[in-house]
C-alpha cells in the first residue's frame, strides 16, 4: 500500500511541475479525470495541465488512507490498478469526501 501512496505523491508532483513524461508513465492510458463540469481522458487532462488551464499547487493531506478491494486500490478520490511491480492511476475525481 505504501507504493500506491508513493505513486499518488509522484502524480501530484508531476501535475504541479507540468511534467508530461512522468504523467504519461504514471497514469493508465485509459485513465479518467472527473471534474465537476466534465470528464476528461488521460491525454485531455494532460493537455489541460500543459496549457496551464488548471494550475496544480501544493496539497496538504490530513490523512493518507489506502483502501484495497481485490486488486484495486483507492486513495480517497483516486483509484489505482496494478501495473507490473507498481501501480497506475485509473481515475481521479475532483470532489470532496464527507
C-alpha atoms as a PDB file:
ATOM      1  CA  UNK A   1       0.000   0.000   0.000  1.00  0.00           C
ATOM      2  CA  UNK A   2       2.996   2.253   0.511  1.00  0.00           C
ATOM      3  CA  UNK A   3       3.730   2.025  -3.241  1.00  0.00           C
ATOM      4  CA  UNK A   4       0.258   3.383  -4.040  1.00  0.00           C
ATOM      5  CA  UNK A   5       0.852   6.431  -1.848  1.00  0.00           C
ATOM      6  CA  UNK A   6       4.246   6.954  -3.494  1.00  0.00           C
ATOM      7  CA  UNK A   7       2.660   6.901  -6.963  1.00  0.00           C
ATOM      8  CA  UNK A   8      -0.063   9.297  -5.784  1.00  0.00           C
ATOM      9  CA  UNK A   9       2.562  11.706  -4.498  1.00  0.00           C
ATOM     10  CA  UNK A  10       4.576  11.464  -7.736  1.00  0.00           C
ATOM     11  CA  UNK A  11       1.478  12.233  -9.821  1.00  0.00           C
ATOM     12  CA  UNK A  12       0.606  15.310  -7.788  1.00  0.00           C
ATOM     13  CA  UNK A  13       4.217  16.493  -8.027  1.00  0.00           C
ATOM     14  CA  UNK A  14       4.226  15.897 -11.804  1.00  0.00           C
ATOM     15  CA  UNK A  15       0.977  17.881 -12.141  1.00  0.00           C
ATOM     16  CA  UNK A  16       2.454  20.742 -10.142  1.00  0.00           C
ATOM     17  CA  UNK A  17       5.705  20.701 -12.152  1.00  0.00           C
ATOM     18  CA  UNK A  18       3.921  20.151 -15.505  1.00  0.00           C
ATOM     19  CA  UNK A  19       5.958  17.010 -16.178  1.00  0.00           C
ATOM     20  CA  UNK A  20       4.251  15.387 -19.167  1.00  0.00           C
ATOM     21  CA  UNK A  21       6.641  12.427 -19.383  1.00  0.00           C
ATOM     22  CA  UNK A  22       6.069  11.425 -15.781  1.00  0.00           C
ATOM     23  CA  UNK A  23       2.290  11.849 -16.059  1.00  0.00           C
ATOM     24  CA  UNK A  24       2.193   9.597 -19.115  1.00  0.00           C
ATOM     25  CA  UNK A  25       4.192   6.982 -17.219  1.00  0.00           C
ATOM     26  CA  UNK A  26       2.106   7.080 -14.031  1.00  0.00           C
ATOM     27  CA  UNK A  27      -1.444   7.402 -15.381  1.00  0.00           C
ATOM     28  CA  UNK A  28      -3.124   4.456 -17.098  1.00  0.00           C
ATOM     29  CA  UNK A  29      -3.708   5.130 -20.808  1.00  0.00           C
ATOM     30  CA  UNK A  30      -7.459   4.567 -20.254  1.00  0.00           C
ATOM     31  CA  UNK A  31      -7.499   6.706 -17.107  1.00  0.00           C
ATOM     32  CA  UNK A  32     -10.223   9.292 -16.498  1.00  0.00           C
ATOM     33  CA  UNK A  33     -10.379  12.556 -14.613  1.00  0.00           C
ATOM     34  CA  UNK A  34     -13.800  13.506 -13.275  1.00  0.00           C
ATOM     35  CA  UNK A  35     -14.311  17.225 -12.786  1.00  0.00           C
ATOM     36  CA  UNK A  36     -17.491  18.883 -11.589  1.00  0.00           C
ATOM     37  CA  UNK A  37     -18.304  20.043 -15.130  1.00  0.00           C
ATOM     38  CA  UNK A  38     -16.757  17.316 -17.298  1.00  0.00           C
ATOM     39  CA  UNK A  39     -14.875  14.036 -17.538  1.00  0.00           C
ATOM     40  CA  UNK A  40     -11.531  14.005 -19.348  1.00  0.00           C
ATOM     41  CA  UNK A  41      -9.320  11.246 -20.694  1.00  0.00           C
ATOM     42  CA  UNK A  42      -5.715  10.999 -19.530  1.00  0.00           C
ATOM     43  CA  UNK A  43      -4.450  12.764 -22.642  1.00  0.00           C
ATOM     44  CA  UNK A  44      -7.063  15.538 -22.422  1.00  0.00           C
ATOM     45  CA  UNK A  45      -6.223  16.132 -18.750  1.00  0.00           C
ATOM     46  CA  UNK A  46      -2.515  16.311 -19.554  1.00  0.00           C
ATOM     47  CA  UNK A  47      -3.272  18.876 -22.281  1.00  0.00           C
ATOM     48  CA  UNK A  48      -5.197  20.963 -19.729  1.00  0.00           C
ATOM     49  CA  UNK A  49      -2.143  20.818 -17.451  1.00  0.00           C
ATOM     50  CA  UNK A  50       0.297  21.635 -20.283  1.00  0.00           C
ATOM     51  CA  UNK A  51      -1.873  24.588 -21.368  1.00  0.00           C
ATOM     52  CA  UNK A  52      -1.972  25.756 -17.732  1.00  0.00           C
ATOM     53  CA  UNK A  53      -5.788  25.828 -17.830  1.00  0.00           C
ATOM     54  CA  UNK A  54      -5.578  24.248 -14.368  1.00  0.00           C
ATOM     55  CA  UNK A  55      -2.676  25.111 -12.098  1.00  0.00           C
ATOM     56  CA  UNK A  56      -1.938  22.449  -9.520  1.00  0.00           C
ATOM     57  CA  UNK A  57      -0.280  23.678  -6.364  1.00  0.00           C
ATOM     58  CA  UNK A  58       0.872  22.146  -3.136  1.00  0.00           C
ATOM     59  CA  UNK A  59      -1.609  19.797  -1.499  1.00  0.00           C
ATOM     60  CA  UNK A  60      -1.629  19.263   2.257  1.00  0.00           C
ATOM     61  CA  UNK A  61      -3.010  15.900   3.342  1.00  0.00           C
ATOM     62  CA  UNK A  62      -4.650  15.478   6.702  1.00  0.00           C
ATOM     63  CA  UNK A  63      -4.909  11.732   6.154  1.00  0.00           C
ATOM     64  CA  UNK A  64      -3.491   9.189   3.713  1.00  0.00           C
ATOM     65  CA  UNK A  65      -5.573   6.046   3.849  1.00  0.00           C
ATOM     66  CA  UNK A  66      -5.487   3.336   1.201  1.00  0.00           C
ATOM     67  CA  UNK A  67      -8.467   1.024   0.822  1.00  0.00           C
ATOM     68  CA  UNK A  68      -7.888  -2.217  -1.059  1.00  0.00           C
ATOM     69  CA  UNK A  69     -10.679  -4.040  -2.891  1.00  0.00           C
ATOM     70  CA  UNK A  70      -9.183  -7.124  -4.514  1.00  0.00           C
ATOM     71  CA  UNK A  71      -6.566  -5.757  -6.960  1.00  0.00           C
ATOM     72  CA  UNK A  72      -7.944  -2.183  -6.882  1.00  0.00           C
ATOM     73  CA  UNK A  73      -6.615   0.464  -4.502  1.00  0.00           C
ATOM     74  CA  UNK A  74      -8.465   3.644  -3.513  1.00  0.00           C
ATOM     75  CA  UNK A  75      -6.834   6.759  -2.027  1.00  0.00           C
ATOM     76  CA  UNK A  76      -9.880   8.962  -1.221  1.00  0.00           C
ATOM     77  CA  UNK A  77     -10.718  10.231  -4.742  1.00  0.00           C
ATOM     78  CA  UNK A  78      -8.007   8.336  -6.637  1.00  0.00           C
ATOM     79  CA  UNK A  79      -8.286   4.764  -7.972  1.00  0.00           C
ATOM     80  CA  UNK A  80      -5.189   2.700  -8.823  1.00  0.00           C
ATOM     81  CA  UNK A  81      -4.705  -0.584 -10.636  1.00  0.00           C
ATOM     82  CA  UNK A  82      -1.638  -2.831 -10.614  1.00  0.00           C
ATOM     83  CA  UNK A  83       0.866  -2.318 -13.426  1.00  0.00           C
ATOM     84  CA  UNK A  84       3.917  -4.544 -13.351  1.00  0.00           C
ATOM     85  CA  UNK A  85       5.548  -4.148  -9.946  1.00  0.00           C
ATOM     86  CA  UNK A  86       3.892  -0.765  -9.343  1.00  0.00           C
ATOM     87  CA  UNK A  87       0.522   0.938  -9.875  1.00  0.00           C
ATOM     88  CA  UNK A  88      -1.087   3.343 -12.330  1.00  0.00           C
ATOM     89  CA  UNK A  89      -3.790   5.893 -11.712  1.00  0.00           C
ATOM     90  CA  UNK A  90      -7.085   4.766 -13.287  1.00  0.00           C
ATOM     91  CA  UNK A  91      -9.398   7.510 -12.100  1.00  0.00           C
ATOM     92  CA  UNK A  92      -9.218  10.764 -10.204  1.00  0.00           C
ATOM     93  CA  UNK A  93     -12.381  12.605  -9.135  1.00  0.00           C
ATOM     94  CA  UNK A  94     -12.130  16.216  -8.100  1.00  0.00           C
ATOM     95  CA  UNK A  95     -14.598  16.223  -5.259  1.00  0.00           C
ATOM     96  CA  UNK A  96     -14.785  16.334  -1.504  1.00  0.00           C
ATOM     97  CA  UNK A  97     -15.477  13.256   0.542  1.00  0.00           C
ATOM     98  CA  UNK A  98     -17.738  13.884   3.544  1.00  0.00           C
END
